[in-house]
Amino acid sequence: RELGLLDAHVFAYSKREGTVAAAMKEQVDERTKSKRSAVLIGIC
């Protein structure tokens, strides 16, 4: 909101095997990621 973006590409995190993040605990569930994507797209 502060930045005032003209547009944004909003991506739900996608687990990529072979990366550090793929082995992290506290993976966010797909439903939550989908809801957050929709909220942020609405703000943009």
PDB file of all heavy atoms in Angstrom:
ATOM      1  N   ARG A   1       0.839  -1.202   0.000  1.00  0.00           N
ATOM      2  CA  ARG A   1       0.000   0.000   0.000  1.00  0.00           C
ATOM      3  C   ARG A   1       0.874   1.252   0.000  1.00  0.00           C
ATOM      4  O   ARG A   1       0.604   2.226  -0.714  1.00  0.00           O
ATOM      5  CB  ARG A   1      -0.911   0.011   1.231  1.00  0.00           C
ATOM      6  CG  ARG A   1      -2.018  -1.027   1.223  1.00  0.00           C
ATOM      7  CD  ARG A   1      -2.959  -0.822   2.410  1.00  0.00           C
ATOM      8  NE  ARG A   1      -3.954  -1.896   2.510  1.00  0.00           N
ATOM      9  CZ  ARG A   1      -3.846  -2.926   3.339  1.00  0.00           C
ATOM     10  NH1 ARG A   1      -2.805  -3.034   4.156  1.00  0.00           N
ATOM     11  NH2 ARG A   1      -4.779  -3.865   3.371  1.00  0.00           N
ATOM     12  N   GLU A   2       1.935   1.246   0.808  1.00  0.00           N
ATOM     13  CA  GLU A   2       2.829   2.404   0.905  1.00  0.00           C
ATOM     14  C   GLU A   2       3.558   2.658  -0.411  1.00  0.00           C
ATOM     15  O   GLU A   2       3.717   3.819  -0.820  1.00  0.00           O
ATOM     16  CB  GLU A   2       3.863   2.177   2.015  1.00  0.00           C
ATOM     17  CG  GLU A   2       3.305   2.193   3.416  1.00  0.00           C
ATOM     18  CD  GLU A   2       4.377   1.839   4.434  1.00  0.00           C
ATOM     19  OE1 GLU A   2       5.577   1.992   4.110  1.00  0.00           O
ATOM     20  OE2 GLU A   2       4.032   1.387   5.534  1.00  0.00           O
ATOM     21  N   LEU A   3       4.019   1.589  -1.053  1.00  0.00           N
ATOM     22  CA  LEU A   3       4.791   1.751  -2.287  1.00  0.00           C
ATOM     23  C   LEU A   3       3.959   2.340  -3.419  1.00  0.00           C
ATOM     24  O   LEU A   3       4.479   3.074  -4.259  1.00  0.00           O
ATOM     25  CB  LEU A   3       5.367   0.406  -2.747  1.00  0.00           C
ATOM     26  CG  LEU A   3       6.602  -0.124  -2.039  1.00  0.00           C
ATOM     27  CD1 LEU A   3       7.079  -1.397  -2.729  1.00  0.00           C
ATOM     28  CD2 LEU A   3       7.725   0.903  -2.005  1.00  0.00           C
ATOM     29  N   GLY A   4       2.681   2.003  -3.456  1.00  0.00           N
ATOM     30  CA  GLY A   4       1.824   2.495  -4.532  1.00  0.00           C
ATOM     31  C   GLY A   4       2.213   1.915  -5.879  1.00  0.00           C
ATOM     32  O   GLY A   4       2.577   2.635  -6.810  1.00  0.00           O
ATOM     33  N   LEU A   5       2.143   0.601  -5.998  1.00  0.00           N
ATOM     34  CA  LEU A   5       2.519  -0.079  -7.240  1.00  0.00           C
ATOM     35  C   LEU A   5       1.453   0.106  -8.312  1.00  0.00           C
ATOM     36  O   LEU A   5       0.260   0.052  -8.034  1.00  0.00           O
ATOM     37  CB  LEU A   5       2.710  -1.576  -6.984  1.00  0.00           C
ATOM     38  CG  LEU A   5       3.795  -1.959  -5.982  1.00  0.00           C
ATOM     39  CD1 LEU A   5       3.759  -3.467  -5.733  1.00  0.00           C
ATOM     40  CD2 LEU A   5       5.179  -1.537  -6.473  1.00  0.00           C
ATOM     41  N   LEU A   6       1.916   0.281  -9.535  1.00  0.00           N
ATOM     42  CA  LEU A   6       0.988   0.349 -10.665  1.00  0.00           C
ATOM     43  C   LEU A   6       0.411  -1.031 -10.962  1.00  0.00           C
ATOM     44  O   LEU A   6      -0.722  -1.158 -11.420  1.00  0.00           O
ATOM     45  CB  LEU A   6       1.703   0.902 -11.901  1.00  0.00           C
ATOM     46  CG  LEU A   6       0.867   1.058 -13.170  1.00  0.00           C
ATOM     47  CD1 LEU A   6      -0.268   2.059 -12.942  1.00  0.00           C
ATOM     48  CD2 LEU A   6       1.730   1.496 -14.344  1.00  0.00           C
ATOM     49  N   ASP A   7       1.188  -2.067 -10.685  1.00  0.00           N
ATOM     50  CA  ASP A   7       0.727  -3.437 -10.917  1.00  0.00           C
ATOM     51  C   ASP A   7       1.678  -4.370 -10.190  1.00  0.00           C
ATOM     52  O   ASP A   7       2.772  -3.963  -9.763  1.00  0.00           O
ATOM     53  CB  ASP A   7       0.703  -3.768 -12.411  1.00  0.00           C
ATOM     54  CG  ASP A   7      -0.396  -4.769 -12.768  1.00  0.00           C
ATOM     55  OD1 ASP A   7      -0.894  -5.451 -11.840  1.00  0.00           O
ATOM     56  OD2 ASP A   7      -0.766  -4.859 -13.943  1.00  0.00           O
ATOM     57  N   ALA A   8       1.282  -5.625 -10.040  1.00  0.00           N
ATOM     58  CA  ALA A   8       2.147  -6.617  -9.408  1.00  0.00           C
ATOM     59  C   ALA A   8       1.825  -8.003  -9.934  1.00  0.00           C
ATOM     60  O   ALA A   8       0.676  -8.312 -10.246  1.00  0.00           O
ATOM     61  CB  ALA A   8       1.990  -6.581  -7.890  1.00  0.00           C
ATOM     62  N   HIS A   9       2.861  -8.814 -10.024  1.00  0.00           N
ATOM     63  CA  HIS A   9       2.690 -10.240 -10.293  1.00  0.00           C
ATOM     64  C   HIS A   9       2.757 -10.944  -8.937  1.00  0.00           C
ATOM     65  O   HIS A   9       3.824 -10.990  -8.313  1.00  0.00           O
ATOM     66  CB  HIS A   9       3.795 -10.765 -11.206  1.00  0.00           C
ATOM     67  CG  HIS A   9       3.811 -10.127 -12.555  1.00  0.00           C
ATOM     68  ND1 HIS A   9       4.958  -9.968 -13.297  1.00  0.00           N
ATOM     69  CD2 HIS A   9       2.814  -9.593 -13.294  1.00  0.00           C
ATOM     70  CE1 HIS A   9       4.667  -9.369 -14.430  1.00  0.00           C
ATOM     71  NE2 HIS A   9       3.368  -9.139 -14.451  1.00  0.00           N
ATOM     72  N   VAL A  10       1.640 -11.460  -8.474  1.00  0.00           N
ATOM     73  CA  VAL A  10       1.566 -12.111  -7.172  1.00  0.00           C
ATOM     74  C   VAL A  10       1.613 -13.617  -7.367  1.00  0.00           C
ATOM     75  O   VAL A  10       0.798 -14.183  -8.102  1.00  0.00           O
ATOM     76  CB  VAL A  10       0.288 -11.703  -6.419  1.00  0.00           C
ATOM     77  CG1 VAL A  10       0.203 -12.419  -5.076  1.00  0.00           C
ATOM     78  CG2 VAL A  10       0.257 -10.183  -6.207  1.00  0.00           C
ATOM     79  N   PHE A  11       2.576 -14.268  -6.722  1.00  0.00           N
ATOM     80  CA  PHE A  11       2.753 -15.707  -6.866  1.00  0.00           C
ATOM     81  C   PHE A  11       2.579 -16.380  -5.514  1.00  0.00           C
ATOM     82  O   PHE A  11       3.140 -15.921  -4.511  1.00  0.00           O
ATOM     83  CB  PHE A  11       4.171 -16.044  -7.366  1.00  0.00           C
ATOM     84  CG  PHE A  11       4.549 -15.375  -8.661  1.00  0.00           C
ATOM     85  CD1 PHE A  11       5.157 -14.134  -8.668  1.00  0.00           C
ATOM     86  CD2 PHE A  11       4.315 -16.002  -9.874  1.00  0.00           C
ATOM     87  CE1 PHE A  11       5.520 -13.521  -9.854  1.00  0.00           C
ATOM     88  CE2 PHE A  11       4.673 -15.396 -11.062  1.00  0.00           C
ATOM     89  CZ  PHE A  11       5.275 -14.151 -11.052  1.00  0.00           C
ATOM     90  N   ALA A  12       1.832 -17.467  -5.492  1.00  0.00           N
ATOM     91  CA  ALA A  12       1.825 -18.316  -4.307  1.00  0.00           C
ATOM     92  C   ALA A  12       3.119 -19.121  -4.309  1.00  0.00           C
ATOM     93  O   ALA A  12       3.517 -19.663  -5.342  1.00  0.00           O
ATOM     94  CB  ALA A  12       0.617 -19.251  -4.323  1.00  0.00           C
ATOM     95  N   TYR A  13       3.806 -19.173  -3.173  1.00  0.00           N
ATOM     96  CA  TYR A  13       5.057 -19.920  -3.089  1.00  0.00           C
ATOM     97  C   TYR A  13       4.861 -21.346  -3.585  1.00  0.00           C
ATOM     98  O   TYR A  13       3.920 -22.035  -3.196  1.00  0.00           O
ATOM     99  CB  TYR A  13       5.575 -19.934  -1.643  1.00  0.00           C
ATOM    100  CG  TYR A  13       6.694 -20.928  -1.438  1.00  0.00           C
ATOM    101  CD1 TYR A  13       7.967 -20.677  -1.918  1.00  0.00           C
ATOM    102  CD2 TYR A  13       6.454 -22.139  -0.798  1.00  0.00           C
ATOM    103  CE1 TYR A  13       8.989 -21.605  -1.753  1.00  0.00           C
ATOM    104  CE2 TYR A  13       7.462 -23.076  -0.621  1.00  0.00           C
ATOM    105  CZ  TYR A  13       8.734 -22.805  -1.110  1.00  0.00           C
ATOM    106  OH  TYR A  13       9.740 -23.740  -0.957  1.00  0.00           O
ATOM    107  N   SER A  14       5.760 -21.765  -4.459  1.00  0.00           N
ATOM    108  CA  SER A  14       5.729 -23.123  -5.005  1.00  0.00           C
ATOM    109  C   SER A  14       6.983 -23.857  -4.552  1.00  0.00           C
ATOM    110  O   SER A  14       8.102 -23.410  -4.814  1.00  0.00           O
ATOM    111  CB  SER A  14       5.680 -23.070  -6.544  1.00  0.00           C
ATOM    112  OG  SER A  14       5.737 -24.367  -7.100  1.00  0.00           O
ATOM    113  N   LYS A  15       6.786 -24.935  -3.859  1.00  0.00           N
ATOM    114  CA  LYS A  15       7.897 -25.717  -3.320  1.00  0.00           C
ATOM    115  C   LYS A  15       8.750 -26.263  -4.460  1.00  0.00           C
ATOM    116  O   LYS A  15       8.246 -26.928  -5.363  1.00  0.00           O
ATOM    117  CB  LYS A  15       7.340 -26.857  -2.473  1.00  0.00           C
ATOM    118  CG  LYS A  15       8.363 -27.585  -1.624  1.00  0.00           C
ATOM    119  CD  LYS A  15       7.647 -28.582  -0.708  1.00  0.00           C
ATOM    120  CE  LYS A  15       8.623 -29.307   0.211  1.00  0.00           C
ATOM    121  NZ  LYS A  15       7.928 -30.253   1.099  1.00  0.00           N
ATOM    122  N   ARG A  16      10.030 -25.954  -4.411  1.00  0.00           N
ATOM    123  CA  ARG A  16      10.955 -26.404  -5.465  1.00  0.00           C
ATOM    124  C   ARG A  16      12.003 -27.311  -4.842  1.00  0.00           C
ATOM    125  O   ARG A  16      12.857 -26.862  -4.080  1.00  0.00           O
ATOM    126  CB  ARG A  16      11.630 -25.191  -6.134  1.00  0.00           C
ATOM    127  CG  ARG A  16      12.603 -25.563  -7.269  1.00  0.00           C
ATOM    128  CD  ARG A  16      11.852 -26.304  -8.350  1.00  0.00           C
ATOM    129  NE  ARG A  16      12.657 -26.662  -9.490  1.00  0.00           N
ATOM    130  CZ  ARG A  16      13.442 -27.746  -9.587  1.00  0.00           C
ATOM    131  NH1 ARG A  16      13.571 -28.565  -8.551  1.00  0.00           N
ATOM    132  NH2 ARG A  16      14.077 -28.007 -10.699  1.00  0.00           N
ATOM    133  N   GLU A  17      11.913 -28.622  -5.140  1.00  0.00           N
ATOM    134  CA  GLU A  17      12.891 -29.567  -4.598  1.00  0.00           C
ATOM    135  C   GLU A  17      14.298 -29.147  -5.000  1.00  0.00           C
ATOM    136  O   GLU A  17      14.533 -28.676  -6.111  1.00  0.00           O
ATOM    137  CB  GLU A  17      12.594 -30.983  -5.090  1.00  0.00           C
ATOM    138  CG  GLU A  17      11.257 -31.548  -4.624  1.00  0.00           C
ATOM    139  CD  GLU A  17      11.139 -31.597  -3.116  1.00  0.00           C
ATOM    140  OE1 GLU A  17      12.175 -31.805  -2.430  1.00  0.00           O
ATOM    141  OE2 GLU A  17      10.017 -31.417  -2.599  1.00  0.00           O
ATOM    142  N   GLY A  18      15.237 -29.319  -4.076  1.00  0.00           N
ATOM    143  CA  GLY A  18      16.612 -28.932  -4.350  1.00  0.00           C
ATOM    144  C   GLY A  18      16.958 -27.553  -3.835  1.00  0.00           C
ATOM    145  O   GLY A  18      18.103 -27.104  -3.980  1.00  0.00           O
ATOM    146  N   THR A  19      15.980 -26.859  -3.230  1.00  0.00           N
ATOM    147  CA  THR A  19      16.240 -25.539  -2.659  1.00  0.00           C
ATOM    148  C   THR A  19      16.169 -25.604  -1.134  1.00  0.00           C
ATOM    149  O   THR A  19      15.593 -26.529  -0.555  1.00  0.00           O
ATOM    150  CB  THR A  19      15.217 -24.507  -3.149  1.00  0.00           C
ATOM    151  OG1 THR A  19      13.907 -24.891  -2.686  1.00  0.00           O
ATOM    152  CG2 THR A  19      15.210 -24.424  -4.666  1.00  0.00           C
ATOM    153  N   VAL A  20      16.763 -24.609  -0.496  1.00  0.00           N
ATOM    154  CA  VAL A  20      16.745 -24.536   0.969  1.00  0.00           C
ATOM    155  C   VAL A  20      15.318 -24.456   1.494  1.00  0.00           C
ATOM    156  O   VAL A  20      14.953 -25.109   2.477  1.00  0.00           O
ATOM    157  CB  VAL A  20      17.562 -23.307   1.437  1.00  0.00           C
ATOM    158  CG1 VAL A  20      17.399 -23.093   2.939  1.00  0.00           C
ATOM    159  CG2 VAL A  20      19.038 -23.481   1.078  1.00  0.00           C
ATOM    160  N   ALA A  21      14.488 -23.649   0.823  1.00  0.00           N
ATOM    161  CA  ALA A  21      13.116 -23.429   1.313  1.00  0.00           C
ATOM    162  C   ALA A  21      12.273 -24.694   1.284  1.00  0.00           C
ATOM    163  O   ALA A  21      11.350 -24.845   2.088  1.00  0.00           O
ATOM    164  CB  ALA A  21      12.446 -22.335   0.493  1.00  0.00           C
ATOM    165  N   ALA A  22      12.570 -25.598   0.360  1.00  0.00           N
ATOM    166  CA  ALA A  22      11.771 -26.829   0.258  1.00  0.00           C
ATOM    167  C   ALA A  22      11.906 -27.695   1.500  1.00  0.00           C
ATOM    168  O   ALA A  22      10.989 -28.453   1.835  1.00  0.00           O
ATOM    169  CB  ALA A  22      12.200 -27.613  -0.977  1.00  0.00           C
ATOM    170  N   ALA A  23      13.034 -27.559   2.195  1.00  0.00           N
ATOM    171  CA  ALA A  23      13.264 -28.364   3.399  1.00  0.00           C
ATOM    172  C   ALA A  23      12.873 -27.635   4.674  1.00  0.00           C
ATOM    173  O   ALA A  23      12.992 -28.190   5.773  1.00  0.00           O
ATOM    174  CB  ALA A  23      14.741 -28.757   3.471  1.00  0.00           C
ATOM    175  N   MET A  24      12.401 -26.409   4.545  1.00  0.00           N
ATOM    176  CA  MET A  24      12.025 -25.645   5.736  1.00  0.00           C
ATOM    177  C   MET A  24      10.769 -26.200   6.387  1.00  0.00           C
ATOM    178  O   MET A  24       9.876 -26.710   5.705  1.00  0.00           O
ATOM    179  CB  MET A  24      11.780 -24.179   5.359  1.00  0.00           C
ATOM    180  CG  MET A  24      13.028 -23.383   5.058  1.00  0.00           C
ATOM    181  SD  MET A  24      12.609 -21.657   4.641  1.00  0.00           S
ATOM    182  CE  MET A  24      14.248 -20.953   4.501  1.00  0.00           C
ATOM    183  N   LYS A  25      10.712 -26.079   7.688  1.00  0.00           N
ATOM    184  CA  LYS A  25       9.497 -26.425   8.411  1.00  0.00           C
ATOM    185  C   LYS A  25       8.492 -25.288   8.237  1.00  0.00           C
ATOM    186  O   LYS A  25       8.785 -24.266   7.643  1.00  0.00           O
ATOM    187  CB  LYS A  25       9.811 -26.650   9.879  1.00  0.00           C
ATOM    188  CG  LYS A  25      10.747 -27.830  10.129  1.00  0.00           C
ATOM    189  CD  LYS A  25      11.049 -27.984  11.604  1.00  0.00           C
ATOM    190  CE  LYS A  25      12.007 -29.158  11.836  1.00  0.00           C
ATOM    191  NZ  LYS A  25      12.348 -29.311  13.281  1.00  0.00           N
ATOM    192  N   GLU A  26       7.304 -25.471   8.751  1.00  0.00           N
ATOM    193  CA  GLU A  26       6.243 -24.448   8.694  1.00  0.00           C
ATOM    194  C   GLU A  26       5.871 -24.100   7.260  1.00  0.00           C
ATOM    195  O   GLU A  26       5.692 -22.926   6.921  1.00  0.00           O
ATOM    196  CB  GLU A  26       6.659 -23.179   9.440  1.00  0.00           C
ATOM    197  CG  GLU A  26       6.949 -23.387  10.918  1.00  0.00           C
ATOM    198  CD  GLU A  26       7.329 -22.076  11.595  1.00  0.00           C
ATOM    199  OE1 GLU A  26       6.428 -21.216  11.771  1.00  0.00           O
ATOM    200  OE2 GLU A  26       8.509 -21.905  11.917  1.00  0.00           O
ATOM    201  N   GLN A  27       5.748 -25.111   6.395  1.00  0.00           N
ATOM    202  CA  GLN A  27       5.245 -24.866   5.052  1.00  0.00           C
ATOM    203  C   GLN A  27       3.799 -24.381   5.161  1.00  0.00           C
ATOM    204  O   GLN A  27       3.004 -24.911   5.941  1.00  0.00           O
ATOM    205  CB  GLN A  27       5.299 -26.149   4.218  1.00  0.00           C
ATOM    206  CG  GLN A  27       6.712 -26.680   3.970  1.00  0.00           C
ATOM    207  CD  GLN A  27       7.477 -25.876   2.938  1.00  0.00           C
ATOM    208  OE1 GLN A  27       6.890 -25.334   2.011  1.00  0.00           O
ATOM    209  NE2 GLN A  27       8.800 -25.808   3.098  1.00  0.00           N
ATOM    210  N   VAL A  28       3.447 -23.377   4.402  1.00  0.00           N
ATOM    211  CA  VAL A  28       2.110 -22.793   4.443  1.00  0.00           C
ATOM    212  C   VAL A  28       1.177 -23.618   3.562  1.00  0.00           C
ATOM    213  O   VAL A  28       1.539 -23.986   2.437  1.00  0.00           O
ATOM    214  CB  VAL A  28       2.146 -21.329   3.968  1.00  0.00           C
ATOM    215  CG1 VAL A  28       0.744 -20.718   3.959  1.00  0.00           C
ATOM    216  CG2 VAL A  28       3.077 -20.511   4.870  1.00  0.00           C
ATOM    217  N   ASP A  29      -0.011 -23.908   4.057  1.00  0.00           N
ATOM    218  CA  ASP A  29      -0.927 -24.752   3.300  1.00  0.00           C
ATOM    219  C   ASP A  29      -1.479 -24.024   2.072  1.00  0.00           C
ATOM    220  O   ASP A  29      -1.503 -22.791   2.024  1.00  0.00           O
ATOM    221  CB  ASP A  29      -2.081 -25.235   4.193  1.00  0.00           C
ATOM    222  CG  ASP A  29      -2.964 -24.088   4.662  1.00  0.00           C
ATOM    223  OD1 ASP A  29      -3.927 -23.757   3.954  1.00  0.00           O
ATOM    224  OD2 ASP A  29      -2.662 -23.509   5.728  1.00  0.00           O
ATOM    225  N   GLU A  30      -1.910 -24.797   1.088  1.00  0.00           N
ATOM    226  CA  GLU A  30      -2.346 -24.253  -0.203  1.00  0.00           C
ATOM    227  C   GLU A  30      -3.558 -23.331  -0.065  1.00  0.00           C
ATOM    228  O   GLU A  30      -3.658 -22.313  -0.757  1.00  0.00           O
ATOM    229  CB  GLU A  30      -2.673 -25.399  -1.175  1.00  0.00           C
ATOM    230  CG  GLU A  30      -1.474 -26.241  -1.562  1.00  0.00           C
ATOM    231  CD  GLU A  30      -0.369 -25.437  -2.222  1.00  0.00           C
ATOM    232  OE1 GLU A  30      -0.685 -24.534  -3.024  1.00  0.00           O
ATOM    233  OE2 GLU A  30       0.813 -25.694  -1.916  1.00  0.00           O
ATOM    234  N   ARG A  31      -4.462 -23.673   0.828  1.00  0.00           N
ATOM    235  CA  ARG A  31      -5.648 -22.837   0.987  1.00  0.00           C
ATOM    236  C   ARG A  31      -5.261 -21.440   1.493  1.00  0.00           C
ATOM    237  O   ARG A  31      -5.771 -20.422   0.991  1.00  0.00           O
ATOM    238  CB  ARG A  31      -6.620 -23.500   1.973  1.00  0.00           C
ATOM    239  CG  ARG A  31      -7.932 -22.738   2.134  1.00  0.00           C
ATOM    240  CD  ARG A  31      -8.836 -23.421   3.143  1.00  0.00           C
ATOM    241  NE  ARG A  31     -10.060 -22.651   3.348  1.00  0.00           N
ATOM    242  CZ  ARG A  31     -10.947 -22.919   4.292  1.00  0.00           C
ATOM    243  NH1 ARG A  31     -10.769 -23.946   5.111  1.00  0.00           N
ATOM    244  NH2 ARG A  31     -12.038 -22.188   4.427  1.00  0.00           N
ATOM    245  N   THR A  32      -4.355 -21.396   2.453  1.00  0.00           N
ATOM    246  CA  THR A  32      -3.907 -20.101   2.990  1.00  0.00           C
ATOM    247  C   THR A  32      -3.181 -19.304   1.925  1.00  0.00           C
ATOM    248  O   THR A  32      -3.387 -18.088   1.784  1.00  0.00           O
ATOM    249  CB  THR A  32      -2.991 -20.312   4.216  1.00  0.00           C
ATOM    250  OG1 THR A  32      -3.725 -20.996   5.233  1.00  0.00           O
ATOM    251  CG2 THR A  32      -2.485 -18.988   4.757  1.00  0.00           C
ATOM    252  N   LYS A  33      -2.336 -19.969   1.150  1.00  0.00           N
ATOM    253  CA  LYS A  33      -1.610 -19.273   0.079  1.00  0.00           C
ATOM    254  C   LYS A  33      -2.575 -18.691  -0.938  1.00  0.00           C
ATOM    255  O   LYS A  33      -2.398 -17.559  -1.407  1.00  0.00           O
ATOM    256  CB  LYS A  33      -0.618 -20.238  -0.598  1.00  0.00           C
ATOM    257  CG  LYS A  33       0.605 -20.531   0.237  1.00  0.00           C
ATOM    258  CD  LYS A  33       1.674 -21.287  -0.535  1.00  0.00           C
ATOM    259  CE  LYS A  33       1.354 -22.727  -0.717  1.00  0.00           C
ATOM    260  NZ  LYS A  33       2.499 -23.495  -1.296  1.00  0.00           N
ATOM    261  N   SER A  34      -3.610 -19.451  -1.265  1.00  0.00           N
ATOM    262  CA  SER A  34      -4.597 -18.980  -2.228  1.00  0.00           C
ATOM    263  C   SER A  34      -5.348 -17.764  -1.706  1.00  0.00           C
ATOM    264  O   SER A  34      -5.571 -16.780  -2.431  1.00  0.00           O
ATOM    265  CB  SER A  34      -5.582 -20.116  -2.551  1.00  0.00           C
ATOM    266  OG  SER A  34      -6.555 -19.690  -3.455  1.00  0.00           O
ATOM    267  N   LYS A  35      -5.749 -17.804  -0.431  1.00  0.00           N
ATOM    268  CA  LYS A  35      -6.462 -16.677   0.166  1.00  0.00           C
ATOM    269  C   LYS A  35      -5.579 -15.437   0.210  1.00  0.00           C
ATOM    270  O   LYS A  35      -6.019 -14.329  -0.105  1.00  0.00           O
ATOM    271  CB  LYS A  35      -6.918 -17.049   1.577  1.00  0.00           C
ATOM    272  CG  LYS A  35      -8.083 -18.034   1.617  1.00  0.00           C
ATOM    273  CD  LYS A  35      -8.390 -18.476   3.032  1.00  0.00           C
ATOM    274  CE  LYS A  35      -8.866 -17.328   3.905  1.00  0.00           C
ATOM    275  NZ  LYS A  35      -9.237 -17.805   5.276  1.00  0.00           N
ATOM    276  N   ARG A  36      -4.326 -15.613   0.590  1.00  0.00           N
ATOM    277  CA  ARG A  36      -3.412 -14.467   0.663  1.00  0.00           C
ATOM    278  C   ARG A  36      -3.158 -13.878  -0.724  1.00  0.00           C
ATOM    279  O   ARG A  36      -3.069 -12.655  -0.877  1.00  0.00           O
ATOM    280  CB  ARG A  36      -2.093 -14.889   1.319  1.00  0.00           C
ATOM    281  CG  ARG A  36      -2.231 -15.144   2.808  1.00  0.00           C
ATOM    282  CD  ARG A  36      -0.927 -15.611   3.456  1.00  0.00           C
ATOM    283  NE  ARG A  36      -1.131 -15.893   4.871  1.00  0.00           N
ATOM    284  CZ  ARG A  36      -0.219 -16.447   5.667  1.00  0.00           C
ATOM    285  NH1 ARG A  36       0.975 -16.779   5.164  1.00  0.00           N
ATOM    286  NH2 ARG A  36      -0.485 -16.670   6.946  1.00  0.00           N
ATOM    287  N   SER A  37      -3.037 -14.736  -1.725  1.00  0.00           N
ATOM    288  CA  SER A  37      -2.856 -14.241  -3.097  1.00  0.00           C
ATOM    289  C   SER A  37      -4.021 -13.352  -3.497  1.00  0.00           C
ATOM    290  O   SER A  37      -3.831 -12.261  -4.041  1.00  0.00           O
ATOM    291  CB  SER A  37      -2.742 -15.410  -4.077  1.00  0.00           C
ATOM    292  OG  SER A  37      -1.577 -16.155  -3.857  1.00  0.00           O
ATOM    293  N   ALA A  38      -5.241 -13.822  -3.215  1.00  0.00           N
ATOM    294  CA  ALA A  38      -6.435 -13.056  -3.589  1.00  0.00           C
ATOM    295  C   ALA A  38      -6.479 -11.711  -2.875  1.00  0.00           C
ATOM    296  O   ALA A  38      -6.824 -10.678  -3.471  1.00  0.00           O
ATOM    297  CB  ALA A  38      -7.690 -13.872  -3.283  1.00  0.00           C
ATOM    298  N   VAL A  39      -6.124 -11.692  -1.593  1.00  0.00           N
ATOM    299  CA  VAL A  39      -6.132 -10.445  -0.826  1.00  0.00           C
ATOM    300  C   VAL A  39      -5.124  -9.458  -1.402  1.00  0.00           C
ATOM    301  O   VAL A  39      -5.436  -8.274  -1.622  1.00  0.00           O
ATOM    302  CB  VAL A  39      -5.819 -10.723   0.664  1.00  0.00           C
ATOM    303  CG1 VAL A  39      -5.548  -9.408   1.407  1.00  0.00           C
ATOM    304  CG2 VAL A  39      -6.966 -11.470   1.324  1.00  0.00           C
ATOM    305  N   LEU A  40      -3.905  -9.924  -1.665  1.00  0.00           N
ATOM    306  CA  LEU A  40      -2.867  -9.020  -2.146  1.00  0.00           C
ATOM    307  C   LEU A  40      -3.164  -8.529  -3.565  1.00  0.00           C
ATOM    308  O   LEU A  40      -2.930  -7.359  -3.882  1.00  0.00           O
ATOM    309  CB  LEU A  40      -1.504  -9.712  -2.104  1.00  0.00           C
ATOM    310  CG  LEU A  40      -0.296  -8.797  -2.331  1.00  0.00           C
ATOM    311  CD1 LEU A  40      -0.289  -7.640  -1.342  1.00  0.00           C
ATOM    312  CD2 LEU A  40       1.000  -9.593  -2.237  1.00  0.00           C
ATOM    313  N   ILE A  41      -3.701  -9.402  -4.393  1.00  0.00           N
ATOM    314  CA  ILE A  41      -4.101  -8.972  -5.743  1.00  0.00           C
ATOM    315  C   ILE A  41      -5.164  -7.878  -5.646  1.00  0.00           C
ATOM    316  O   ILE A  41      -5.129  -6.888  -6.392  1.00  0.00           O
ATOM    317  CB  ILE A  41      -4.616 -10.176  -6.559  1.00  0.00           C
ATOM    318  CG1 ILE A  41      -3.444 -11.095  -6.933  1.00  0.00           C
ATOM    319  CG2 ILE A  41      -5.337  -9.712  -7.829  1.00  0.00           C
ATOM    320  CD1 ILE A  41      -3.860 -12.434  -7.516  1.00  0.00           C
ATOM    321  N   GLY A  42      -6.100  -8.024  -4.691  1.00  0.00           N
ATOM    322  CA  GLY A  42      -7.126  -7.005  -4.498  1.00  0.00           C
ATOM    323  C   GLY A  42      -6.533  -5.668  -4.080  1.00  0.00           C
ATOM    324  O   GLY A  42      -6.940  -4.607  -4.573  1.00  0.00           O
ATOM    325  N   ILE A  43      -5.551  -5.696  -3.192  1.00  0.00           N
ATOM    326  CA  ILE A  43      -4.884  -4.461  -2.758  1.00  0.00           C
ATOM    327  C   ILE A  43      -4.166  -3.802  -3.934  1.00  0.00           C
ATOM    328  O   ILE A  43      -4.242  -2.578  -4.114  1.00  0.00           O
ATOM    329  CB  ILE A  43      -3.890  -4.766  -1.616  1.00  0.00           C
ATOM    330  CG1 ILE A  43      -4.646  -5.175  -0.353  1.00  0.00           C
ATOM    331  CG2 ILE A  43      -2.979  -3.565  -1.345  1.00  0.00           C
ATOM    332  CD1 ILE A  43      -3.763  -5.725   0.740  1.00  0.00           C
ATOM    333  N   CYS A  44      -3.497  -4.607  -4.717  1.00  0.00           N
ATOM    334  CA  CYS A  44      -2.774  -4.069  -5.884  1.00  0.00           C
ATOM    335  C   CYS A  44      -3.737  -3.425  -6.876  1.00  0.00           C
ATOM    336  O   CYS A  44      -3.429  -2.382  -7.474  1.00  0.00           O
ATOM    337  CB  CYS A  44      -1.959  -5.171  -6.556  1.00  0.00           C
ATOM    338  SG  CYS A  44      -0.557  -5.758  -5.572  1.00  0.00           S
TER     339      CYS A  44
END
